């Protein structure tokens, strides 16, 4: 994703769908940066929760098997 709306490019980059250049991110105002940062934080928290649930699921499976 190149050109276009800098906010959309930054959000796509936060979701891992595109790469944002420093130039694109430099075009964001303070409020837009806050929104993109909140989205990045939410994505990070979701990834951590998925990992935690995966580990807990493996542990439960091991206990059920008697390990």
C-alpha atoms as a PDB file:
ATOM      1  CA  UNK A   1       0.000   0.000   0.000  1.00  0.00           C
ATOM      2  CA  UNK A   2       1.664   3.176  -1.133  1.00  0.00           C
ATOM      3  CA  UNK A   3       0.470   6.731  -1.273  1.00  0.00           C
ATOM      4  CA  UNK A   4      -3.100   7.321  -0.233  1.00  0.00           C
ATOM      5  CA  UNK A   5      -4.247   8.414   3.155  1.00  0.00           C
ATOM      6  CA  UNK A   6      -1.355   8.319   5.688  1.00  0.00           C
ATOM      7  CA  UNK A   7      -3.667   7.181   8.507  1.00  0.00           C
ATOM      8  CA  UNK A   8      -4.899   4.200   6.499  1.00  0.00           C
ATOM      9  CA  UNK A   9      -1.347   3.268   5.535  1.00  0.00           C
ATOM     10  CA  UNK A  10      -0.258   3.464   9.183  1.00  0.00           C
ATOM     11  CA  UNK A  11      -3.218   1.363  10.346  1.00  0.00           C
ATOM     12  CA  UNK A  12      -2.547  -1.228   7.634  1.00  0.00           C
ATOM     13  CA  UNK A  13       1.075  -1.342   8.764  1.00  0.00           C
ATOM     14  CA  UNK A  14      -0.008  -1.813  12.386  1.00  0.00           C
ATOM     15  CA  UNK A  15      -2.133  -4.761  11.290  1.00  0.00           C
ATOM     16  CA  UNK A  16       0.765  -6.218   9.321  1.00  0.00           C
ATOM     17  CA  UNK A  17      -0.905  -5.659   5.955  1.00  0.00           C
ATOM     18  CA  UNK A  18       1.540  -3.072   4.623  1.00  0.00           C
ATOM     19  CA  UNK A  19       4.744  -1.258   5.394  1.00  0.00           C
ATOM     20  CA  UNK A  20       4.701   2.387   6.369  1.00  0.00           C
ATOM     21  CA  UNK A  21       7.646   4.595   5.562  1.00  0.00           C
ATOM     22  CA  UNK A  22       9.006   7.239   7.888  1.00  0.00           C
ATOM     23  CA  UNK A  23       7.692   9.798   5.414  1.00  0.00           C
ATOM     24  CA  UNK A  24       4.153   8.405   5.688  1.00  0.00           C
ATOM     25  CA  UNK A  25       4.277   8.311   9.474  1.00  0.00           C
ATOM     26  CA  UNK A  26       5.708  11.845   9.528  1.00  0.00           C
ATOM     27  CA  UNK A  27       2.555  13.096   7.812  1.00  0.00           C
ATOM     28  CA  UNK A  28       0.363  12.145  10.794  1.00  0.00           C
ATOM     29  CA  UNK A  29      -0.790  14.739  13.301  1.00  0.00           C
ATOM     30  CA  UNK A  30      -0.752  14.149  17.063  1.00  0.00           C
ATOM     31  CA  UNK A  31      -4.303  12.747  17.262  1.00  0.00           C
ATOM     32  CA  UNK A  32      -3.680  10.374  14.365  1.00  0.00           C
ATOM     33  CA  UNK A  33      -0.481   9.123  15.989  1.00  0.00           C
ATOM     34  CA  UNK A  34      -2.441   8.449  19.190  1.00  0.00           C
ATOM     35  CA  UNK A  35      -5.027   6.389  17.288  1.00  0.00           C
ATOM     36  CA  UNK A  36      -2.383   4.369  15.439  1.00  0.00           C
ATOM     37  CA  UNK A  37      -0.513   3.763  18.716  1.00  0.00           C
ATOM     38  CA  UNK A  38      -3.714   2.542  20.393  1.00  0.00           C
ATOM     39  CA  UNK A  39      -4.356   0.155  17.493  1.00  0.00           C
ATOM     40  CA  UNK A  40      -0.793  -1.165  17.703  1.00  0.00           C
ATOM     41  CA  UNK A  41      -1.182  -1.676  21.457  1.00  0.00           C
ATOM     42  CA  UNK A  42      -4.474  -3.541  20.968  1.00  0.00           C
ATOM     43  CA  UNK A  43      -2.897  -5.793  18.338  1.00  0.00           C
ATOM     44  CA  UNK A  44       0.018  -6.537  20.683  1.00  0.00           C
ATOM     45  CA  UNK A  45      -2.386  -7.381  23.524  1.00  0.00           C
ATOM     46  CA  UNK A  46      -4.392  -9.690  21.260  1.00  0.00           C
ATOM     47  CA  UNK A  47      -1.232 -11.498  20.181  1.00  0.00           C
ATOM     48  CA  UNK A  48      -0.186 -11.935  23.813  1.00  0.00           C
ATOM     49  CA  UNK A  49      -3.624 -13.280  24.745  1.00  0.00           C
ATOM     50  CA  UNK A  50      -3.538 -15.754  21.853  1.00  0.00           C
ATOM     51  CA  UNK A  51      -0.118 -16.951  22.958  1.00  0.00           C
ATOM     52  CA  UNK A  52      -1.250 -17.275  26.590  1.00  0.00           C
ATOM     53  CA  UNK A  53      -4.290 -19.321  25.568  1.00  0.00           C
ATOM     54  CA  UNK A  54      -2.161 -21.519  23.330  1.00  0.00           C
ATOM     55  CA  UNK A  55       0.244 -22.266  26.177  1.00  0.00           C
ATOM     56  CA  UNK A  56      -2.600 -22.933  28.607  1.00  0.00           C
ATOM     57  CA  UNK A  57      -4.236 -25.251  26.076  1.00  0.00           C
ATOM     58  CA  UNK A  58      -1.022 -27.235  25.657  1.00  0.00           C
ATOM     59  CA  UNK A  59      -0.611 -27.474  29.431  1.00  0.00           C
ATOM     60  CA  UNK A  60      -4.180 -28.710  29.801  1.00  0.00           C
ATOM     61  CA  UNK A  61      -3.632 -31.308  27.055  1.00  0.00           C
ATOM     62  CA  UNK A  62      -0.483 -32.531  28.808  1.00  0.00           C
ATOM     63  CA  UNK A  63      -2.305 -32.861  32.125  1.00  0.00           C
ATOM     64  CA  UNK A  64      -5.137 -34.761  30.426  1.00  0.00           C
ATOM     65  CA  UNK A  65      -2.572 -37.163  28.933  1.00  0.00           C
ATOM     66  CA  UNK A  66      -0.940 -37.654  32.315  1.00  0.00           C
ATOM     67  CA  UNK A  67       2.317 -35.814  31.670  1.00  0.00           C
END
